[in-house]
Amino acid sequence: MKVTQEKLPASQIGLEIEITPEMTKQAYEQVIQKFTRSANIPGFRKGKVPRQVLVQRLGSLQLKAAALEELIDDSLKQALEQEKIDALGNFQLRSSFDDLVTQYEPGSPLTFSASVDVQPEVKLSQYRDLKVQAEEIRPDPERVDRVLQQYREQTATLVPVEGRPAQLKDVTVVDFKGVLVSDEPDAEPEEFPGGQAEDFQVELDEEKFIPGFVNGIVGMSVGETKEVPVEFPEDYAQPNLAGRRAVFTITLKELKEKELPDLDDDFAQEVSEYETLAELRESLEKGYQEEADDKTAANKEQAILSELIKHLEVDLPETLVDRELNFMINQTAIQLQNQGLDIRQFFNQDTIPMLKERSRPEAINRIKRTLALGEVAKQESIEVEPEAVTRRVEEILEELGEEGRDVDRDRLQEVVSEDLLREKIVNWLIEHSTIELVPEGTLTKAEETESEATDLEITSPTEEAVDASAETLESAESAKVEQPTVTPVDQAPVDQAPVDEAPAKPKKTSKKAGKASEEASASEESTSKKEPDSKQEAPAKRKSSKAKSKASDGE
């Protein structure tokens, strides 16, 4: 079979394929036999329909079209095998099918044109001596004291208060009943679900509740009942309450204040696995320093990769981009489902195409990073020793313990090999580049200023809906925090959990072990290697906390 190749844009190969007379005749005869066996024609039994009758009833063009479909499919596969073309997919017929049907004569040669996606050619104009800036993250020197103070608050003893009214930071027990009020003078107050409770504990912190609720309790005495007017914020979590005015009737039943424990060794033993306060402080300082170092390393890696792809010349085929988009969306769906969320809220025939379009730039960048790193490894002969992979796999399985039984070992080995190779390439790039460390916030401010200057486009309602959906997905994926049930007065705090948390002793399951096991359990592979997890895990809080790896919780 004669095949002529032509290089096309977007990493496609054009093929002109000449089908031999023998193939055109054989395909047509096979179709005739197939229809003869299956055709239902009055007056004839199946398999006994004369050839001329069959052609007359079905039509010559229909038979030729059926034969031509088989011919094109079979000859394309043969051409790819004959020319040793590693096709990715996205087969397209460049010739007109109707014209081919008209030209098709069994026993005569037939030529058609098609195209397929192939692996792109990668060129790096520069990968040595890159010059970049990266933000250096330094731990907040006051963070340890803030954490210790938070733990004092959390472990405080509640002592009943007598002889004074409620004040901020007290802990109260109240009964309340709220009603929505209208601007219409004749409108009746409107009760709403969750708007009342009895023996409800309220810590008098203004940031934890809707504006006005806590301040309304401040100054009350035990046994006192008071009406407190409030207004729900415009961005309140429950849309039917957002922006509405309400009045709560509140009865103060109990009033207590916090008695904080002393900062001593007994306190350290209570809140951590350490015997002395000095050991706890040292652990906190070490944990936050390591966290800062990890963030700085991630910033350096990101800066190097961003600069590297600026020197990359590649024409990406649509097949690779589409695979990466499908992988990204599937992974997000798996993560949301593992968190107990109904993915049908986020993924449907309307939102998926728009989410893909929004994710397209990131998918392209991921592919470019992978291809660029692969080209560096190729040029510099960077490889990972099999012994290192085996050693790391055994370490991960040991760290996972019982959970490691459910991990696909072959897939885990593949993931570890990819991660170690990526790490080795990135380290090589860092060693052969110049990285200027700048204070935290320097580059972030510049990026925000640039973003504000360009983010002035007007979006349509449909685009706004997709934006909201995408933000929800991003929030659910990155936060991975179980959302609490929000009662009308319990406005979600700015931070659902303390920003600073004290580390316990080293966890049995490391972040890398959890990440590797998660990837090994993934049902679908990406076209690019996994990106480094830039989100830093918060140190464990208490000795009672149980660290769960991503292999078990699907983070």
Protein backbone atom coordinates (compact mmCIF):
# COMPACT_ATOMS: atom_id res chain seq x y z
CA MET A 1 0.00 0.00 0.00
CA LYS A 2 1.43 3.35 -1.03
CA VAL A 3 1.54 5.99 1.71
CA THR A 4 2.76 9.58 1.39
CA GLN A 5 3.37 11.61 4.57
CA GLU A 6 3.00 15.36 5.05
CA LYS A 7 3.84 17.39 8.16
CA LEU A 8 0.89 19.54 9.29
CA PRO A 9 0.45 22.20 12.02
CA ALA A 10 -0.56 21.28 15.61
CA SER A 11 1.66 18.17 15.56
CA GLN A 12 -0.40 16.40 12.94
CA ILE A 13 0.77 14.10 10.16
CA GLY A 14 -1.09 14.18 6.85
CA LEU A 15 -1.36 10.85 5.06
CA GLU A 16 -2.23 10.20 1.44
CA ILE A 17 -3.12 6.52 1.21
CA GLU A 18 -3.60 4.61 -2.05
CA ILE A 19 -5.76 1.52 -1.58
CA THR A 20 -4.93 -1.34 -3.91
CA PRO A 21 -7.51 -2.78 -6.35
CA GLU A 22 -7.49 -6.06 -4.45
CA MET A 23 -8.45 -4.32 -1.22
CA THR A 24 -11.26 -2.31 -2.81
CA LYS A 25 -12.76 -5.43 -4.36
CA GLN A 26 -12.37 -7.56 -1.24
CA ALA A 27 -14.03 -4.94 0.98
CA TYR A 28 -17.00 -4.63 -1.38
CA GLU A 29 -17.49 -8.40 -1.59
CA GLN A 30 -17.41 -8.71 2.18
CA VAL A 31 -20.13 -6.08 2.51
CA ILE A 32 -22.29 -7.87 -0.09
CA GLN A 33 -21.93 -11.12 1.86
CA LYS A 34 -22.75 -9.40 5.15
CA PHE A 35 -25.97 -7.83 3.82
CA THR A 36 -26.94 -11.06 2.04
CA ARG A 37 -26.88 -12.89 5.38
CA SER A 38 -28.80 -10.24 7.29
CA ALA A 39 -31.15 -8.50 4.82
CA ASN A 40 -34.92 -9.05 5.22
CA ILE A 41 -36.42 -8.85 1.70
CA PRO A 42 -39.98 -10.10 1.07
CA GLY A 43 -40.07 -13.30 -0.98
CA PHE A 44 -36.56 -14.44 -0.03
CA ARG A 45 -35.14 -16.30 2.95
CA LYS A 46 -32.20 -14.82 4.82
CA GLY A 47 -28.95 -15.66 3.09
CA LYS A 48 -30.76 -16.58 -0.16
CA VAL A 49 -31.23 -13.10 -1.64
CA PRO A 50 -29.76 -12.90 -5.17
CA ARG A 51 -26.95 -10.41 -5.55
CA GLN A 52 -28.75 -8.27 -8.17
CA VAL A 53 -31.90 -8.07 -6.05
CA LEU A 54 -29.83 -7.01 -3.02
CA VAL A 55 -28.06 -4.27 -4.98
CA GLN A 56 -31.36 -3.09 -6.46
CA ARG A 57 -33.15 -2.95 -3.07
CA LEU A 58 -30.35 -1.41 -0.98
CA GLY A 59 -28.75 0.73 -3.64
CA SER A 60 -25.23 0.71 -4.98
CA LEU A 61 -24.24 3.89 -3.12
CA GLN A 62 -25.27 2.51 0.29
CA LEU A 63 -23.25 -0.66 -0.28
CA LYS A 64 -20.24 1.32 -1.47
CA ALA A 65 -20.46 3.67 1.53
CA ALA A 66 -20.51 0.71 3.93
CA ALA A 67 -17.52 -0.88 2.18
CA LEU A 68 -15.67 2.44 2.09
CA GLU A 69 -16.02 2.95 5.85
CA GLU A 70 -14.37 -0.42 6.45
CA LEU A 71 -11.70 0.32 3.83
CA ILE A 72 -10.72 3.68 5.32
CA ASP A 73 -10.54 2.31 8.86
CA ASP A 74 -8.50 -0.77 7.92
CA SER A 75 -6.15 0.99 5.52
CA LEU A 76 -5.43 3.77 8.02
CA LYS A 77 -4.43 1.22 10.66
CA GLN A 78 -2.22 -0.57 8.13
CA ALA A 79 -0.63 2.70 7.02
CA LEU A 80 0.25 3.69 10.61
CA GLU A 81 1.79 0.27 11.21
CA GLN A 82 3.59 0.23 7.86
CA GLU A 83 5.07 3.74 8.35
CA LYS A 84 5.76 3.12 12.06
CA ILE A 85 3.82 6.24 13.07
CA ASP A 86 3.12 6.56 16.82
CA ALA A 87 -0.31 8.18 16.52
CA LEU A 88 -2.01 9.77 19.54
CA GLY A 89 -5.47 9.80 17.99
CA ASN A 90 -7.79 12.46 16.59
CA PHE A 91 -8.12 10.78 13.18
CA GLN A 92 -9.65 13.10 10.60
CA LEU A 93 -10.68 12.32 7.03
CA ARG A 94 -9.46 15.19 4.89
CA SER A 95 -11.03 13.93 1.66
CA SER A 96 -14.75 14.35 1.07
CA PHE A 97 -16.50 11.11 1.97
CA ASP A 98 -19.27 11.73 -0.58
CA ASP A 99 -16.68 12.27 -3.32
CA LEU A 100 -14.91 9.06 -2.32
CA VAL A 101 -18.18 7.11 -2.53
CA THR A 102 -18.73 8.48 -6.04
CA GLN A 103 -15.15 7.61 -7.09
CA TYR A 104 -15.18 4.17 -5.49
CA GLU A 105 -15.20 1.30 -7.97
CA PRO A 106 -14.56 -2.21 -6.60
CA GLY A 107 -11.43 -3.62 -8.24
CA SER A 108 -9.95 -0.17 -8.95
CA PRO A 109 -7.39 1.72 -6.82
CA LEU A 110 -8.68 4.48 -4.56
CA THR A 111 -6.72 7.30 -2.92
CA PHE A 112 -7.83 9.30 0.14
CA SER A 113 -6.25 11.81 2.52
CA ALA A 114 -6.38 11.76 6.32
CA SER A 115 -4.54 13.20 9.31
CA VAL A 116 -3.65 12.02 12.82
CA ASP A 117 -2.15 13.63 15.93
CA VAL A 118 1.39 12.55 16.81
CA GLN A 119 3.80 13.30 19.64
CA PRO A 120 4.99 16.90 19.30
CA GLU A 121 8.56 17.88 18.52
CA VAL A 122 10.09 19.65 21.50
CA LYS A 123 12.75 22.34 21.26
CA LEU A 124 14.31 24.19 24.18
CA SER A 125 16.24 27.26 23.13
CA GLN A 126 17.72 27.54 26.64
CA TYR A 127 17.57 25.60 29.87
CA ARG A 128 20.98 26.31 31.42
CA ASP A 129 21.86 29.53 33.24
CA LEU A 130 18.26 30.63 33.74
CA LYS A 131 17.88 33.79 35.83
CA VAL A 132 14.74 34.06 37.98
CA GLN A 133 13.37 35.61 41.14
CA ALA A 134 11.51 33.68 43.84
CA GLU A 135 9.91 34.78 47.07
CA GLU A 136 11.68 33.68 50.24
CA ILE A 137 9.24 32.69 52.97
CA ARG A 138 10.33 33.30 56.53
CA PRO A 139 8.38 32.12 59.59
CA ASP A 140 6.51 34.75 61.58
CA PRO A 141 8.46 35.18 64.83
CA GLU A 142 5.21 35.86 66.74
CA ARG A 143 3.42 32.81 65.41
CA VAL A 144 4.53 30.50 68.23
CA ASP A 145 3.17 32.85 70.87
CA ARG A 146 -0.12 33.16 68.98
CA VAL A 147 -0.48 29.38 68.79
CA LEU A 148 0.23 28.94 72.47
CA GLN A 149 -2.34 31.61 73.27
CA GLN A 150 -4.88 29.85 71.05
CA TYR A 151 -4.32 26.63 72.95
CA ARG A 152 -4.70 28.42 76.24
CA GLU A 153 -8.06 29.67 74.98
CA GLN A 154 -9.06 26.19 73.82
CA THR A 155 -8.09 24.49 77.08
CA ALA A 156 -9.42 27.22 79.35
CA THR A 157 -11.69 26.41 82.28
CA LEU A 158 -15.11 28.07 82.18
CA VAL A 159 -15.85 29.79 85.48
CA PRO A 160 -19.33 31.15 86.32
CA VAL A 161 -19.51 34.95 86.53
CA GLU A 162 -21.47 36.84 89.16
CA GLY A 163 -22.00 40.53 89.82
CA ARG A 164 -21.29 41.90 86.35
CA PRO A 165 -22.89 41.96 82.89
CA ALA A 166 -21.63 40.04 79.83
CA GLN A 167 -18.56 41.32 78.06
CA LEU A 168 -16.52 40.33 75.02
CA LYS A 169 -14.69 36.98 75.27
CA ASP A 170 -17.20 35.64 77.79
CA VAL A 171 -18.96 32.35 77.09
CA THR A 172 -22.74 32.49 77.41
CA VAL A 173 -25.71 30.14 77.19
CA VAL A 174 -28.77 31.73 75.64
CA ASP A 175 -32.23 31.05 74.27
CA PHE A 176 -33.03 32.98 71.11
CA LYS A 177 -35.80 33.35 68.59
CA GLY A 178 -35.40 35.35 65.40
CA VAL A 179 -37.88 36.74 62.91
CA LEU A 180 -37.34 38.50 59.60
CA VAL A 181 -38.74 42.00 59.37
CA SER A 182 -39.85 43.84 56.26
CA ASP A 183 -39.72 47.46 55.19
CA GLU A 184 -43.47 47.24 54.61
CA PRO A 185 -45.19 48.67 57.72
CA ASP A 186 -48.12 46.23 57.57
CA ALA A 187 -46.01 43.11 56.94
CA GLU A 188 -46.02 40.43 59.64
CA PRO A 189 -42.66 39.25 61.09
CA GLU A 190 -41.55 36.10 59.32
CA GLU A 191 -40.07 33.10 61.13
CA PHE A 192 -37.39 31.14 59.32
CA PRO A 193 -35.86 27.65 59.66
CA GLY A 194 -33.05 27.48 62.22
CA GLY A 195 -33.96 30.89 63.59
CA GLN A 196 -34.46 29.75 67.16
CA ALA A 197 -32.64 27.60 69.71
CA GLU A 198 -32.52 26.87 73.43
CA ASP A 199 -29.43 26.49 75.63
CA PHE A 200 -27.26 27.68 72.76
CA GLN A 201 -23.63 28.34 73.74
CA VAL A 202 -22.22 31.56 72.36
CA GLU A 203 -18.66 32.74 72.78
CA LEU A 204 -18.79 36.52 72.59
CA ASP A 205 -16.49 37.00 69.64
CA GLU A 206 -17.75 39.52 67.07
CA GLU A 207 -16.09 37.74 64.15
CA LYS A 208 -17.93 34.45 64.71
CA PHE A 209 -21.50 35.63 64.23
CA ILE A 210 -23.52 37.97 62.09
CA PRO A 211 -22.91 41.65 62.87
CA GLY A 212 -24.90 42.91 65.84
CA PHE A 213 -25.74 39.57 67.46
CA VAL A 214 -22.79 39.40 69.85
CA ASN A 215 -22.84 43.13 70.60
CA GLY A 216 -26.48 42.75 71.51
CA ILE A 217 -25.59 40.23 74.21
CA VAL A 218 -22.74 42.34 75.60
CA GLY A 219 -24.05 44.26 78.63
CA MET A 220 -26.86 41.81 79.41
CA SER A 221 -27.21 40.21 82.84
CA VAL A 222 -28.20 36.62 83.62
CA GLY A 223 -31.99 36.25 83.41
CA GLU A 224 -32.40 39.32 81.21
CA THR A 225 -34.34 39.17 77.92
CA LYS A 226 -33.64 41.62 75.13
CA GLU A 227 -34.59 42.26 71.50
CA VAL A 228 -31.55 42.63 69.24
CA PRO A 229 -31.91 44.01 65.67
CA VAL A 230 -29.44 42.62 63.12
CA GLU A 231 -28.90 42.55 59.37
CA PHE A 232 -27.62 39.50 57.54
CA PRO A 233 -24.60 40.25 55.31
CA GLU A 234 -25.17 40.48 51.56
CA ASP A 235 -22.82 37.52 51.04
CA TYR A 236 -24.45 35.35 53.72
CA ALA A 237 -24.23 31.60 53.05
CA GLN A 238 -28.03 31.17 52.88
CA PRO A 239 -29.31 33.21 49.92
CA ASN A 240 -32.84 33.54 51.32
CA LEU A 241 -31.42 35.41 54.33
CA ALA A 242 -28.68 37.46 52.63
CA GLY A 243 -29.24 41.17 53.08
CA ARG A 244 -32.43 40.69 55.19
CA ARG A 245 -33.14 42.51 58.46
CA ALA A 246 -34.11 40.47 61.51
CA VAL A 247 -34.88 40.83 65.20
CA PHE A 248 -33.72 38.25 67.73
CA THR A 249 -35.30 37.90 71.15
CA ILE A 250 -32.46 36.73 73.37
CA THR A 251 -32.56 35.47 76.95
CA LEU A 252 -29.22 35.21 78.78
CA LYS A 253 -29.30 32.05 80.94
CA GLU A 254 -25.67 31.49 81.92
CA LEU A 255 -22.53 33.64 81.94
CA LYS A 256 -19.00 32.30 82.23
CA GLU A 257 -15.49 33.56 81.66
CA LYS A 258 -12.37 31.72 80.62
CA GLU A 259 -9.70 30.93 83.15
CA LEU A 260 -6.56 30.36 81.11
CA PRO A 261 -3.99 27.75 82.15
CA ASP A 262 -0.45 28.82 82.98
CA LEU A 263 2.21 28.49 80.30
CA ASP A 264 4.23 25.73 81.93
CA ASP A 265 5.28 22.12 81.43
CA ASP A 266 1.86 20.80 82.56
CA PHE A 267 0.23 22.89 79.82
CA ALA A 268 2.67 21.50 77.22
CA GLN A 269 1.81 17.93 78.23
CA GLU A 270 -1.90 18.72 77.99
CA VAL A 271 -1.85 20.11 74.45
CA SER A 272 0.94 18.08 72.84
CA GLU A 273 3.13 15.01 73.08
CA TYR A 274 5.98 16.95 74.64
CA GLU A 275 7.04 16.89 78.28
CA THR A 276 8.19 20.48 78.64
CA LEU A 277 7.14 23.88 77.36
CA ALA A 278 10.66 24.39 75.97
CA GLU A 279 10.33 21.22 73.88
CA LEU A 280 6.94 22.34 72.61
CA ARG A 281 8.28 25.76 71.64
CA GLU A 282 11.25 24.16 69.90
CA SER A 283 8.94 21.82 68.00
CA LEU A 284 6.73 24.70 66.91
CA GLU A 285 9.68 26.78 65.76
CA LYS A 286 11.15 23.83 63.88
CA GLY A 287 7.83 22.96 62.26
CA TYR A 288 7.17 26.50 61.07
CA GLN A 289 10.73 26.85 59.82
CA GLU A 290 10.37 23.64 57.80
CA GLU A 291 7.04 24.87 56.47
CA ALA A 292 8.64 28.15 55.40
CA ASP A 293 11.57 26.31 53.80
CA ASP A 294 9.16 24.05 51.89
CA LYS A 295 7.24 27.06 50.60
CA THR A 296 10.46 28.76 49.53
CA ALA A 297 11.55 25.59 47.72
CA ALA A 298 8.17 25.41 45.99
CA ASN A 299 8.50 29.06 44.95
CA LYS A 300 11.95 28.39 43.50
CA GLU A 301 10.66 25.39 41.58
CA GLN A 302 7.68 27.31 40.25
CA ALA A 303 9.90 30.21 39.16
CA ILE A 304 12.29 27.87 37.35
CA LEU A 305 9.48 26.01 35.56
CA SER A 306 7.73 29.22 34.56
CA GLU A 307 10.95 30.54 33.07
CA LEU A 308 11.78 27.21 31.43
CA ILE A 309 8.57 27.03 29.39
CA LYS A 310 9.26 30.54 28.05
CA HIS A 311 12.12 28.95 26.11
CA LEU A 312 10.01 26.01 24.91
CA GLU A 313 8.99 25.66 21.29
CA VAL A 314 6.24 23.10 20.82
CA ASP A 315 3.09 22.74 18.74
CA LEU A 316 0.67 20.86 20.99
CA PRO A 317 -1.78 18.43 19.40
CA GLU A 318 -5.38 18.75 20.48
CA THR A 319 -5.40 15.13 21.65
CA LEU A 320 -2.90 15.85 24.43
CA VAL A 321 -4.78 18.94 25.58
CA ASP A 322 -8.10 17.12 25.64
CA ARG A 323 -6.63 14.21 27.61
CA GLU A 324 -5.17 16.57 30.19
CA LEU A 325 -8.46 18.44 30.56
CA ASN A 326 -10.35 15.17 31.06
CA PHE A 327 -7.78 14.08 33.63
CA MET A 328 -8.01 17.34 35.58
CA ILE A 329 -11.80 17.28 35.70
CA ASN A 330 -11.94 13.58 36.57
CA GLN A 331 -9.46 14.04 39.40
CA THR A 332 -11.45 16.96 40.79
CA ALA A 333 -14.63 14.90 40.58
CA ILE A 334 -12.99 12.02 42.46
CA GLN A 335 -11.76 14.37 45.19
CA LEU A 336 -15.17 15.99 45.60
CA GLN A 337 -16.91 12.62 45.66
CA ASN A 338 -14.48 11.34 48.29
CA GLN A 339 -15.47 14.34 50.42
CA GLY A 340 -19.11 13.29 50.22
CA LEU A 341 -20.18 16.01 47.80
CA ASP A 342 -22.68 15.42 45.01
CA ILE A 343 -20.61 15.92 41.86
CA ARG A 344 -23.76 16.30 39.80
CA GLN A 345 -24.03 19.80 41.25
CA PHE A 346 -20.79 20.76 39.54
CA PHE A 347 -20.50 18.53 36.47
CA ASN A 348 -23.19 18.35 33.82
CA GLN A 349 -23.48 18.75 30.06
CA ASP A 350 -23.68 22.54 30.43
CA THR A 351 -20.84 23.18 32.87
CA ILE A 352 -18.24 20.64 31.71
CA PRO A 353 -17.53 22.32 28.33
CA MET A 354 -17.21 25.72 30.01
CA LEU A 355 -15.06 24.34 32.83
CA LYS A 356 -12.82 22.75 30.23
CA GLU A 357 -12.47 26.07 28.47
CA ARG A 358 -11.54 27.81 31.71
CA SER A 359 -9.06 25.06 32.60
CA ARG A 360 -7.49 24.98 29.16
CA PRO A 361 -4.59 27.43 29.89
CA GLU A 362 -3.59 25.45 32.98
CA ALA A 363 -3.81 22.16 31.07
CA ILE A 364 -1.55 23.56 28.36
CA ASN A 365 0.96 24.80 30.95
CA ARG A 366 1.01 21.41 32.67
CA ILE A 367 1.75 19.66 29.38
CA LYS A 368 4.43 22.19 28.50
CA ARG A 369 6.13 21.76 31.87
CA THR A 370 6.19 18.00 31.46
CA LEU A 371 7.52 18.16 27.90
CA ALA A 372 10.17 20.73 28.86
CA LEU A 373 11.36 18.64 31.82
CA GLY A 374 11.45 15.57 29.60
CA GLU A 375 13.60 17.39 27.06
CA VAL A 376 16.04 18.48 29.79
CA ALA A 377 16.28 14.88 31.00
CA LYS A 378 16.90 13.74 27.43
CA GLN A 379 19.59 16.33 26.72
CA GLU A 380 21.41 15.78 30.03
CA SER A 381 20.80 12.01 30.26
CA ILE A 382 19.10 12.37 33.64
CA GLU A 383 17.70 9.08 34.90
CA VAL A 384 16.51 7.55 38.14
CA GLU A 385 18.18 4.39 39.38
CA PRO A 386 15.76 1.44 39.79
CA GLU A 387 17.18 0.84 43.28
CA ALA A 388 16.10 4.34 44.34
CA VAL A 389 12.56 3.71 43.10
CA THR A 390 12.32 0.36 44.89
CA ARG A 391 13.72 1.84 48.09
CA ARG A 392 11.20 4.71 48.04
CA VAL A 393 8.27 2.38 47.28
CA GLU A 394 9.17 0.21 50.27
CA GLU A 395 9.40 3.30 52.50
CA ILE A 396 5.96 4.49 51.40
CA LEU A 397 4.34 1.09 51.92
CA GLU A 398 5.90 0.87 55.37
CA GLU A 399 4.62 4.35 56.25
CA LEU A 400 1.13 3.51 55.01
CA GLY A 401 0.94 0.33 57.06
CA GLU A 402 -2.41 -1.43 56.71
CA GLU A 403 -3.62 1.17 54.21
CA GLY A 404 -0.82 0.12 51.86
CA ARG A 405 -2.60 -3.15 51.13
CA ASP A 406 -5.12 -1.38 48.90
CA VAL A 407 -2.47 0.39 46.80
CA ASP A 408 -1.67 -0.81 43.29
CA ARG A 409 2.02 -1.57 43.68
CA ASP A 410 2.82 -1.35 39.95
CA ARG A 411 1.09 2.00 39.65
CA LEU A 412 2.79 3.18 42.85
CA GLN A 413 6.17 2.26 41.40
CA GLU A 414 5.33 4.22 38.25
CA VAL A 415 4.25 7.27 40.26
CA VAL A 416 7.35 7.15 42.46
CA SER A 417 9.58 6.82 39.39
CA GLU A 418 7.96 9.88 37.81
CA ASP A 419 8.22 11.91 41.03
CA LEU A 420 11.86 11.02 41.63
CA LEU A 421 12.76 11.82 38.02
CA ARG A 422 10.94 15.14 38.19
CA GLU A 423 12.68 15.99 41.46
CA LYS A 424 16.06 15.12 39.97
CA ILE A 425 15.46 17.26 36.86
CA VAL A 426 14.25 20.24 38.90
CA ASN A 427 17.24 20.00 41.23
CA TRP A 428 19.54 19.95 38.20
CA LEU A 429 17.87 23.07 36.82
CA ILE A 430 18.15 24.87 40.16
CA GLU A 431 21.85 23.97 40.45
CA HIS A 432 22.51 25.32 36.94
CA SER A 433 20.47 28.51 37.30
CA THR A 434 20.67 31.78 39.21
CA ILE A 435 17.79 32.33 41.63
CA GLU A 436 17.45 35.66 43.42
CA LEU A 437 15.42 35.34 46.59
CA VAL A 438 13.19 38.37 47.27
CA PRO A 439 11.01 39.18 50.29
CA GLU A 440 7.62 37.54 50.56
CA GLY A 441 4.90 39.50 48.78
CA THR A 442 7.26 41.24 46.34
CA LEU A 443 6.28 39.20 43.30
CA THR A 444 2.73 38.52 44.47
CA LYS A 445 1.96 42.26 44.61
CA ALA A 446 3.33 42.73 41.10
CA GLU A 447 1.15 39.90 39.79
CA GLU A 448 -1.94 41.30 41.53
CA THR A 449 -1.33 44.75 40.06
CA GLU A 450 -1.00 43.30 36.58
CA SER A 451 -4.13 41.19 37.09
CA GLU A 452 -6.16 44.20 38.24
CA ALA A 453 -5.06 46.15 35.19
CA THR A 454 -6.30 43.46 32.80
CA ASP A 455 -9.29 42.08 34.68
CA LEU A 456 -11.80 44.69 33.53
CA GLU A 457 -13.85 42.61 31.12
CA ILE A 458 -17.63 42.38 31.43
CA THR A 459 -18.84 38.79 31.85
CA SER A 460 -22.17 37.38 30.81
CA PRO A 461 -24.53 35.72 33.33
CA THR A 462 -23.53 32.30 31.94
CA GLU A 463 -19.84 33.07 32.43
CA GLU A 464 -20.54 34.27 35.96
CA ALA A 465 -22.29 30.98 36.72
CA VAL A 466 -19.28 29.04 35.44
CA ASP A 467 -16.96 31.28 37.46
CA ALA A 468 -18.96 30.52 40.58
CA SER A 469 -18.91 26.80 39.83
CA ALA A 470 -15.18 26.84 39.15
CA GLU A 471 -14.51 28.77 42.35
CA THR A 472 -16.59 26.24 44.28
CA LEU A 473 -14.57 23.41 42.77
CA GLU A 474 -11.29 25.16 43.53
CA SER A 475 -12.39 25.90 47.08
CA ALA A 476 -13.53 22.35 47.70
CA GLU A 477 -10.35 20.91 46.19
CA SER A 478 -7.88 23.14 47.99
CA ALA A 479 -9.54 23.60 51.38
CA LYS A 480 -10.65 19.99 51.85
CA VAL A 481 -12.45 21.08 55.04
CA GLU A 482 -15.80 19.64 56.02
CA GLN A 483 -18.29 22.50 55.90
CA PRO A 484 -20.14 23.00 59.21
CA THR A 485 -23.89 23.37 59.42
CA VAL A 486 -24.50 27.11 59.56
CA THR A 487 -27.34 28.28 61.75
CA PRO A 488 -28.73 31.74 60.95
CA VAL A 489 -26.88 33.39 63.83
CA ASP A 490 -23.72 31.35 63.39
CA GLN A 491 -22.10 33.30 60.58
CA ALA A 492 -19.07 31.32 59.43
CA PRO A 493 -15.87 32.86 60.82
CA VAL A 494 -13.31 34.34 58.49
CA ASP A 495 -11.22 31.25 59.16
CA GLN A 496 -13.02 27.99 59.96
CA ALA A 497 -9.98 26.73 61.88
CA PRO A 498 -7.03 28.44 63.53
CA VAL A 499 -4.43 29.52 61.03
CA ASP A 500 -1.61 28.49 63.34
CA GLU A 501 -1.61 24.97 64.68
CA ALA A 502 0.97 23.29 66.86
CA PRO A 503 2.66 20.18 65.50
CA ALA A 504 2.58 16.96 67.41
CA LYS A 505 5.34 14.40 67.16
CA PRO A 506 6.17 13.20 63.63
CA LYS A 507 3.28 11.51 61.88
CA LYS A 508 3.40 7.88 60.84
CA THR A 509 2.21 8.79 57.37
CA SER A 510 4.17 11.48 55.56
CA LYS A 511 2.75 13.90 53.02
CA LYS A 512 4.74 12.26 50.23
CA ALA A 513 3.50 8.81 51.17
CA GLY A 514 -0.10 9.98 51.17
CA LYS A 515 0.29 11.81 47.86
CA ALA A 516 2.00 8.87 46.18
CA SER A 517 -0.64 6.41 47.36
CA GLU A 518 -3.41 8.71 46.15
CA GLU A 519 -1.87 8.93 42.70
CA ALA A 520 -1.31 5.19 42.64
CA SER A 521 -5.01 4.69 43.36
CA ALA A 522 -6.11 7.10 40.63
CA SER A 523 -8.28 5.47 38.00
CA GLU A 524 -7.07 7.64 35.14
CA GLU A 525 -3.63 8.91 34.21
CA SER A 526 -2.64 12.38 33.15
CA THR A 527 -0.67 13.12 30.02
CA SER A 528 1.72 15.04 32.24
CA LYS A 529 3.43 14.02 35.44
CA LYS A 530 1.90 15.15 38.69
CA GLU A 531 2.52 18.74 39.67
CA PRO A 532 4.10 19.37 43.10
CA ASP A 533 1.61 20.03 45.85
CA SER A 534 2.15 23.69 46.63
CA LYS A 535 -0.36 23.62 49.48
CA GLN A 536 1.52 23.12 52.73
CA GLU A 537 -0.05 20.80 55.26
CA ALA A 538 -0.76 22.50 58.57
CA PRO A 539 1.13 20.99 61.50
CA ALA A 540 -0.91 18.60 63.60
CA LYS A 541 -2.68 20.25 66.49
CA ARG A 542 -3.07 17.89 69.41
CA LYS A 543 -1.73 14.52 70.43
CA SER A 544 -5.28 13.20 70.04
CA SER A 545 -5.30 14.13 66.37
CA LYS A 546 -5.02 11.22 63.98
CA ALA A 547 -3.11 11.85 60.81
CA LYS A 548 -4.80 10.24 57.82
CA SER A 549 -2.99 9.79 54.58
CA LYS A 550 -4.42 10.80 51.25
CA ALA A 551 -4.51 7.13 50.37
CA SER A 552 -7.38 6.62 52.79
CA ASP A 553 -9.25 9.95 52.72
CA GLY A 554 -8.90 10.79 49.04
CA GLU A 555 -7.48 14.27 49.53
